[in-house]
Amino acid sequence: MAPQLHDRTLKALSLVLSYPTRELQHAMPEIGGVLASDSRLTAIARRALRPLVEELGGRDIYDLEEQFVLLFDRSRTLSLNLFEHVHGESRDRGGAMVSLIETYREHGYDPATSELPDHLPVLLEFLSMVPASEAQEILADAAHIFAALSERLVRRESAYAAVFDALVQLSGAKADRQAVAEMLKAEEVDPEDLEALDAVWEESEVTFGPDPNAGCPQVRDMLSRMDTPVTPAPHAAE
């Protein structure tokens, strides 16, 4: 049996972080209402989300699409694929991906998307359908990633930063500042500099399968290793 929705806020944040569509725009009043009514978030956090909700609901769709691509698709250090920040392009990422897929299947969750399983909107949709304690533990493991992404988005004066601040609050954890600082060491690249971007993305292909010389980790062990961010290569950039 397919899992049922337990946490409307995590589902709403999943949608807010999804690629903009006209359907999403039409749903923004309802999404905004969900976010504005969650007492787990501080009043400041709820107010901070409002400009993004209004922007996604009322701005020209083509402008929204372009903004999304420049931020999350062309900026490696803003990637919404979480294991990018943990494993980079190492073989470990493939094994972690397999474990995450198995966890989804064990809960009866079958994401209807072409995105990778560690794509944050996909993970948030999954977490919206599991017990609150389990969702909070996984969010806490990634709190430093959310904090680093928020800080990068603040530097870009992006309203999306409020989403990641909200996720830190929902995790109930304090982000490890040392881990955040390690993530922020990665050099930033202008997302419109295509030559520089090509150099950054010229990495080895991710292998989606466990290392034959290593056991496949349990998903909790795999997710707990989120508190050890990958050390960026000298040329790695946003």
Protein backbone atom coordinates (compact mmCIF):
# COMPACT_ATOMS: atom_id res chain seq x y z
CA MET A 1 0.00 0.00 0.00
CA ALA A 2 1.30 3.45 -0.88
CA PRO A 3 2.38 5.61 2.08
CA GLN A 4 0.05 8.37 3.25
CA LEU A 5 0.86 12.05 3.70
CA HIS A 6 1.74 12.88 7.33
CA ASP A 7 3.55 16.23 7.10
CA ARG A 8 2.00 18.83 4.82
CA THR A 9 4.80 21.30 5.46
CA LEU A 10 7.52 18.97 4.16
CA LYS A 11 5.35 18.28 1.12
CA ALA A 12 4.89 22.03 0.61
CA LEU A 13 8.64 22.66 0.84
CA SER A 14 9.22 19.82 -1.62
CA LEU A 15 6.96 21.61 -4.11
CA VAL A 16 8.55 25.01 -3.49
CA LEU A 17 11.97 23.53 -4.36
CA SER A 18 10.67 21.83 -7.50
CA TYR A 19 11.21 23.16 -11.01
CA PRO A 20 8.68 25.97 -11.57
CA THR A 21 5.58 25.17 -13.63
CA ARG A 22 2.27 26.92 -14.23
CA GLU A 23 0.56 24.19 -12.19
CA LEU A 24 2.89 24.95 -9.30
CA GLN A 25 2.10 28.65 -9.62
CA HIS A 26 -1.61 27.95 -9.36
CA ALA A 27 -1.02 25.92 -6.20
CA MET A 28 1.09 28.57 -4.43
CA PRO A 29 -1.79 30.14 -2.44
CA GLU A 30 -2.54 26.76 -0.84
CA ILE A 31 1.17 26.00 -0.36
CA GLY A 32 1.68 29.40 1.24
CA GLY A 33 -1.22 28.75 3.59
CA VAL A 34 0.34 25.49 4.76
CA LEU A 35 3.69 27.13 5.44
CA ALA A 36 2.15 30.13 7.19
CA SER A 37 0.21 27.96 9.62
CA ASP A 38 2.97 25.60 10.84
CA SER A 39 3.69 26.49 14.46
CA ARG A 40 6.92 24.45 14.40
CA LEU A 41 8.41 27.35 12.45
CA THR A 42 9.10 30.65 14.16
CA ALA A 43 7.13 33.69 13.11
CA ILE A 44 10.32 35.04 11.55
CA ALA A 45 10.77 31.87 9.48
CA ARG A 46 7.15 31.95 8.31
CA ARG A 47 7.45 35.60 7.30
CA ALA A 48 10.72 34.90 5.47
CA LEU A 49 8.99 32.28 3.30
CA ARG A 50 6.26 34.68 2.20
CA PRO A 51 8.30 36.62 -0.44
CA LEU A 52 9.32 33.36 -2.13
CA VAL A 53 5.74 32.08 -2.15
CA GLU A 54 4.55 35.37 -3.66
CA GLU A 55 7.37 35.37 -6.21
CA LEU A 56 6.68 31.79 -7.31
CA GLY A 57 2.98 32.52 -7.55
CA GLY A 58 3.10 35.80 -9.42
CA ARG A 59 6.35 36.21 -11.34
CA ASP A 60 6.66 35.43 -15.05
CA ILE A 61 7.10 31.66 -15.43
CA TYR A 62 10.02 32.01 -17.84
CA ASP A 63 11.88 34.24 -15.40
CA LEU A 64 11.26 31.68 -12.65
CA GLU A 65 12.55 28.84 -14.82
CA GLU A 66 15.69 30.76 -15.73
CA GLN A 67 16.34 31.68 -12.10
CA PHE A 68 15.91 28.06 -11.00
CA VAL A 69 18.34 26.74 -13.62
CA LEU A 70 20.99 29.36 -12.80
CA LEU A 71 20.74 28.63 -9.09
CA PHE A 72 20.32 24.89 -8.79
CA ASP A 73 21.25 23.32 -12.12
CA ARG A 74 24.32 25.38 -13.02
CA SER A 75 25.65 25.93 -9.51
CA ARG A 76 27.33 22.83 -8.22
CA THR A 77 27.57 24.01 -4.63
CA LEU A 78 23.84 24.76 -4.70
CA SER A 79 22.96 21.35 -6.08
CA LEU A 80 19.67 19.93 -4.80
CA ASN A 81 21.17 16.44 -5.08
CA LEU A 82 22.27 15.98 -1.46
CA PHE A 83 24.87 13.28 -2.01
CA GLU A 84 26.72 15.72 -4.27
CA HIS A 85 27.66 17.54 -1.05
CA VAL A 86 28.56 14.32 0.78
CA HIS A 87 30.30 12.08 -1.74
CA GLY A 88 30.92 14.30 -4.78
CA GLU A 89 31.45 12.01 -7.77
CA SER A 90 33.06 9.16 -5.80
CA ARG A 91 31.90 5.58 -6.10
CA ASP A 92 30.49 5.82 -2.58
CA ARG A 93 27.74 8.01 -3.97
CA GLY A 94 26.46 5.14 -6.10
CA GLY A 95 26.26 2.79 -3.13
CA ALA A 96 24.50 5.44 -1.05
CA MET A 97 22.01 5.97 -3.88
CA VAL A 98 21.19 2.27 -4.01
CA SER A 99 20.58 2.21 -0.25
CA LEU A 100 18.27 5.20 -0.49
CA ILE A 101 16.28 3.59 -3.30
CA GLU A 102 15.87 0.46 -1.18
CA THR A 103 14.63 2.57 1.72
CA TYR A 104 12.03 4.17 -0.54
CA ARG A 105 10.88 0.75 -1.70
CA GLU A 106 10.66 -0.62 1.84
CA HIS A 107 8.23 2.18 2.67
CA GLY A 108 6.22 1.65 -0.52
CA TYR A 109 7.38 4.95 -1.96
CA ASP A 110 7.87 5.09 -5.73
CA PRO A 111 8.72 8.65 -6.81
CA ALA A 112 7.19 9.54 -10.17
CA THR A 113 10.13 11.59 -11.42
CA SER A 114 13.25 11.34 -13.53
CA GLU A 115 15.28 13.07 -10.81
CA LEU A 116 17.91 11.18 -8.81
CA PRO A 117 16.69 9.66 -5.54
CA ASP A 118 18.83 12.06 -3.47
CA HIS A 119 17.20 15.08 -5.13
CA LEU A 120 15.97 17.14 -2.19
CA PRO A 121 12.37 17.64 -3.39
CA VAL A 122 12.13 13.85 -3.84
CA LEU A 123 13.56 13.19 -0.37
CA LEU A 124 11.25 15.77 1.23
CA GLU A 125 8.21 14.20 -0.40
CA PHE A 126 9.30 10.84 1.03
CA LEU A 127 9.88 12.33 4.48
CA SER A 128 6.41 13.86 4.40
CA MET A 129 5.02 10.30 4.41
CA VAL A 130 7.09 8.67 7.18
CA PRO A 131 6.71 8.98 10.97
CA ALA A 132 7.71 12.41 12.27
CA SER A 133 10.58 11.06 14.39
CA GLU A 134 12.16 9.31 11.40
CA ALA A 135 11.79 12.38 9.20
CA GLN A 136 13.33 14.63 11.83
CA GLU A 137 16.34 12.35 12.32
CA ILE A 138 17.13 12.39 8.60
CA LEU A 139 16.66 16.15 8.39
CA ALA A 140 18.99 16.56 11.38
CA ASP A 141 21.69 14.55 9.61
CA ALA A 142 21.57 17.05 6.75
CA ALA A 143 21.19 20.22 8.84
CA HIS A 144 24.70 21.48 8.01
CA ILE A 145 23.99 21.05 4.28
CA PHE A 146 20.81 23.11 4.60
CA ALA A 147 22.67 25.79 6.57
CA ALA A 148 25.43 26.05 3.97
CA LEU A 149 22.94 26.24 1.10
CA SER A 150 21.05 28.95 2.94
CA GLU A 151 24.21 30.98 3.44
CA ARG A 152 25.13 30.72 -0.24
CA LEU A 153 21.62 31.77 -1.27
CA VAL A 154 21.69 34.72 1.12
CA ARG A 155 24.91 35.86 -0.60
CA ARG A 156 22.99 35.77 -3.89
CA GLU A 157 20.08 37.65 -2.29
CA SER A 158 17.79 34.74 -3.19
CA ALA A 159 14.45 34.23 -1.43
CA TYR A 160 15.04 30.47 -1.65
CA ALA A 161 17.31 30.79 1.41
CA ALA A 162 14.20 30.83 3.60
CA VAL A 163 13.37 27.24 2.60
CA PHE A 164 16.67 25.92 3.92
CA ASP A 165 16.37 27.94 7.13
CA ALA A 166 12.94 26.35 7.61
CA LEU A 167 14.40 22.87 7.07
CA VAL A 168 17.03 23.50 9.75
CA GLN A 169 14.26 24.48 12.15
CA LEU A 170 12.17 21.43 11.29
CA SER A 171 15.22 19.23 11.90
CA GLY A 172 15.36 20.36 15.50
CA ALA A 173 19.15 20.36 15.23
CA LYS A 174 21.88 22.97 15.34
CA ALA A 175 23.98 22.86 12.21
CA ASP A 176 27.62 21.89 12.80
CA ARG A 177 29.40 25.18 12.05
CA GLN A 178 32.68 23.44 11.24
CA ALA A 179 30.95 21.23 8.67
CA VAL A 180 29.21 24.30 7.23
CA ALA A 181 32.53 26.12 6.98
CA GLU A 182 34.05 23.16 5.12
CA MET A 183 31.24 23.25 2.58
CA LEU A 184 31.59 26.98 2.11
CA LYS A 185 35.25 26.61 1.14
CA ALA A 186 34.22 25.54 -2.36
CA GLU A 187 34.97 28.24 -4.90
CA GLU A 188 32.00 29.91 -6.56
CA VAL A 189 31.70 30.21 -10.32
CA ASP A 190 29.48 32.56 -12.30
CA PRO A 191 26.61 30.31 -13.53
CA GLU A 192 26.59 32.21 -16.81
CA ASP A 193 30.28 31.49 -17.47
CA LEU A 194 29.72 28.37 -19.57
CA GLU A 195 33.43 27.67 -20.12
CA ALA A 196 34.11 27.65 -16.39
CA LEU A 197 31.03 25.52 -15.77
CA ASP A 198 32.19 22.95 -18.31
CA ALA A 199 35.49 22.67 -16.44
CA VAL A 200 33.72 22.20 -13.12
CA TRP A 201 31.38 19.49 -14.40
CA GLU A 202 34.14 17.59 -16.20
CA GLU A 203 34.09 14.87 -13.55
CA SER A 204 33.94 11.09 -13.64
CA GLU A 205 30.50 9.58 -14.14
CA VAL A 206 28.61 8.47 -11.04
CA THR A 207 28.37 4.69 -10.77
CA PHE A 208 24.95 3.66 -9.48
CA GLY A 209 25.86 0.44 -7.78
CA PRO A 210 27.76 -0.61 -4.69
CA ASP A 211 31.46 -1.14 -4.73
CA PRO A 212 31.93 -4.90 -5.24
CA ASN A 213 34.65 -4.79 -2.59
CA ALA A 214 32.45 -3.17 0.03
CA GLY A 215 29.22 -3.98 1.77
CA CYS A 216 26.13 -1.95 0.97
CA PRO A 217 25.55 0.38 3.95
CA GLN A 218 22.25 0.61 5.74
CA VAL A 219 20.45 3.84 4.92
CA ARG A 220 20.72 5.27 8.45
CA ASP A 221 24.49 4.74 8.41
CA MET A 222 24.65 6.27 4.95
CA LEU A 223 22.57 9.29 5.89
CA SER A 224 24.43 9.79 9.16
CA ARG A 225 27.60 10.30 7.14
CA MET A 226 26.06 13.53 5.85
CA ASP A 227 27.80 15.16 8.81
CA THR A 228 31.11 14.59 7.05
CA PRO A 229 30.97 16.76 3.93
CA VAL A 230 33.06 15.93 0.93
CA THR A 231 36.24 17.98 0.67
CA PRO A 232 36.03 19.93 -2.58
CA ALA A 233 38.77 19.54 -5.15
CA PRO A 234 40.80 22.70 -5.78
CA HIS A 235 38.85 23.40 -8.98
CA ALA A 236 35.41 22.51 -7.57
CA ALA A 237 33.09 25.44 -7.83
CA GLU A 238 29.57 26.59 -7.63
